[in-house]
């Protein structure tokens, strides 16, 4: 087998795998009748954000978050079984993107509000527990 033939086989294998992943993700992220619905949703979120004066790297964070929201909306709204990854993984991705965005704002000394527990306490497993928080206003310290 020549080097060119070997490269062609590798590329064909990658493209085949890519199509499989694309089909699974398309199922999870977009409407059955519109393969680009997730991109349209993300575009709408970004259009709104730009209209509110959001720009730069903040739009990158919003695009990632909106894409994950589009997936959850599609799965929950259509009552689908996710094929590509568990919906809880998508929720973790959302939490991580939000934390990264908050970290970006804090490390770049952008105005933030920091919410901290009013007192140190162990969080009980009882979801009805009453939690008190105080808000500290101002820039990052």
Protein backbone atom coordinates (compact mmCIF):
# COMPACT_ATOMS: atom_id res chain seq x y z
CA UNK A 1 0.00 0.00 0.00
CA UNK A 2 1.34 3.40 -0.91
CA UNK A 3 1.53 6.28 1.53
CA UNK A 4 -1.22 8.09 -0.40
CA UNK A 5 -3.52 5.05 -0.19
CA UNK A 6 -2.85 4.75 3.56
CA UNK A 7 -3.64 8.45 4.04
CA UNK A 8 -6.87 8.04 2.06
CA UNK A 9 -7.94 5.16 4.31
CA UNK A 10 -7.21 7.19 7.44
CA UNK A 11 -9.16 10.18 6.11
CA UNK A 12 -12.07 7.97 5.06
CA UNK A 13 -12.15 6.42 8.53
CA UNK A 14 -12.15 9.85 10.18
CA UNK A 15 -14.91 11.11 7.89
CA UNK A 16 -17.01 8.00 8.58
CA UNK A 17 -16.60 8.50 12.32
CA UNK A 18 -17.40 12.20 11.86
CA UNK A 19 -20.67 11.37 10.10
CA UNK A 20 -21.66 9.01 12.93
CA UNK A 21 -20.97 11.69 15.55
CA UNK A 22 -22.73 14.34 13.43
CA UNK A 23 -25.86 12.19 13.19
CA UNK A 24 -25.95 11.59 16.95
CA UNK A 25 -25.34 15.25 17.76
CA UNK A 26 -27.86 16.38 15.16
CA UNK A 27 -30.46 14.19 16.87
CA UNK A 28 -29.64 15.76 20.25
CA UNK A 29 -29.13 19.39 19.20
CA UNK A 30 -31.60 20.15 16.42
CA UNK A 31 -35.22 19.74 15.39
CA UNK A 32 -36.05 16.73 13.28
CA UNK A 33 -37.23 19.00 10.45
CA UNK A 34 -34.42 21.60 10.73
CA UNK A 35 -30.84 20.42 11.11
CA UNK A 36 -29.72 23.99 11.76
CA UNK A 37 -32.25 24.93 14.47
CA UNK A 38 -29.58 24.94 17.18
CA UNK A 39 -27.47 27.41 15.19
CA UNK A 40 -30.52 29.59 14.63
CA UNK A 41 -31.30 29.57 18.36
CA UNK A 42 -27.71 30.48 19.22
CA UNK A 43 -27.82 33.25 16.61
CA UNK A 44 -30.97 34.68 18.18
CA UNK A 45 -29.34 34.68 21.62
CA UNK A 46 -26.26 36.42 20.25
CA UNK A 47 -28.33 38.95 18.29
CA UNK A 48 -30.18 39.82 21.49
CA UNK A 49 -26.91 40.09 23.44
CA UNK A 50 -25.33 42.35 20.84
CA UNK A 51 -28.44 44.53 20.97
CA UNK A 52 -27.85 44.85 24.71
CA UNK A 53 -24.23 45.94 24.16
CA UNK A 54 -22.53 42.62 24.85
CA UNK A 55 -19.37 42.15 22.80
CA UNK A 56 -16.04 40.37 22.50
CA UNK A 57 -15.21 37.29 24.51
CA UNK A 58 -18.55 37.50 26.32
CA UNK A 59 -20.21 36.50 23.04
CA UNK A 60 -18.01 33.40 22.92
CA UNK A 61 -19.22 32.34 26.36
CA UNK A 62 -22.82 33.07 25.36
CA UNK A 63 -22.48 31.03 22.15
CA UNK A 64 -21.28 27.99 24.09
CA UNK A 65 -24.03 28.36 26.68
CA UNK A 66 -26.74 28.91 24.07
CA UNK A 67 -25.64 25.82 22.15
CA UNK A 68 -25.98 23.69 25.28
CA UNK A 69 -29.35 25.29 26.05
CA UNK A 70 -30.50 24.48 22.50
CA UNK A 71 -29.64 20.82 23.14
CA UNK A 72 -31.57 20.69 26.40
CA UNK A 73 -34.55 22.48 24.88
CA UNK A 74 -34.60 20.04 21.98
CA UNK A 75 -34.33 16.94 24.17
CA UNK A 76 -36.79 18.07 26.83
CA UNK A 77 -39.24 19.72 24.43
CA UNK A 78 -39.38 16.77 22.07
CA UNK A 79 -39.11 14.24 24.92
CA UNK A 80 -36.19 12.58 23.16
CA UNK A 81 -33.69 10.12 24.51
CA UNK A 82 -30.24 11.70 24.11
CA UNK A 83 -27.91 9.77 21.83
CA UNK A 84 -24.60 11.58 22.09
CA UNK A 85 -24.15 12.25 25.80
CA UNK A 86 -26.29 12.26 28.92
CA UNK A 87 -28.36 15.37 29.54
CA UNK A 88 -26.73 15.63 32.96
CA UNK A 89 -23.40 16.06 31.13
CA UNK A 90 -24.94 19.01 29.28
CA UNK A 91 -26.05 20.51 32.60
CA UNK A 92 -22.50 20.11 33.90
CA UNK A 93 -21.18 21.77 30.73
CA UNK A 94 -23.55 24.70 31.32
CA UNK A 95 -22.40 25.05 34.92
CA UNK A 96 -18.77 24.92 33.84
CA UNK A 97 -19.24 27.52 31.08
CA UNK A 98 -21.01 29.80 33.55
CA UNK A 99 -18.22 29.32 36.12
CA UNK A 100 -15.57 29.97 33.48
CA UNK A 101 -17.39 33.13 32.40
CA UNK A 102 -17.62 34.29 35.99
CA UNK A 103 -13.94 33.51 36.46
CA UNK A 104 -13.09 35.48 33.34
CA UNK A 105 -15.03 38.48 34.60
CA UNK A 106 -13.44 38.28 38.04
CA UNK A 107 -9.86 37.83 36.84
CA UNK A 108 -10.30 40.68 34.36
CA UNK A 109 -11.58 42.98 37.12
CA UNK A 110 -15.01 43.46 35.58
CA UNK A 111 -17.81 44.60 37.89
CA UNK A 112 -19.35 41.59 39.59
CA UNK A 113 -21.52 40.75 42.53
CA UNK A 114 -20.16 38.07 44.76
CA UNK A 115 -22.69 35.94 46.61
CA UNK A 116 -21.22 34.22 49.62
CA UNK A 117 -22.84 32.28 52.44
CA UNK A 118 -23.76 34.56 55.34
CA UNK A 119 -22.27 32.03 57.72
CA UNK A 120 -20.18 28.92 57.36
CA UNK A 121 -22.46 25.93 57.50
CA UNK A 122 -22.74 22.42 56.22
CA UNK A 123 -25.40 22.27 53.56
CA UNK A 124 -28.00 19.72 54.64
CA UNK A 125 -29.41 17.26 52.15
CA UNK A 126 -32.92 18.49 52.97
CA UNK A 127 -33.95 20.61 49.98
CA UNK A 128 -36.38 22.61 52.13
CA UNK A 129 -33.58 24.08 54.24
CA UNK A 130 -33.49 27.87 54.53
CA UNK A 131 -30.28 29.47 53.25
CA UNK A 132 -29.26 33.04 53.83
CA UNK A 133 -26.85 34.86 51.53
CA UNK A 134 -25.33 38.26 51.51
CA UNK A 135 -24.42 40.14 48.35
CA UNK A 136 -21.16 42.04 48.21
CA UNK A 137 -21.29 44.69 45.51
CA UNK A 138 -18.31 46.05 43.69
CA UNK A 139 -15.47 44.99 41.44
CA UNK A 140 -13.30 41.95 41.87
CA UNK A 141 -10.74 42.21 44.60
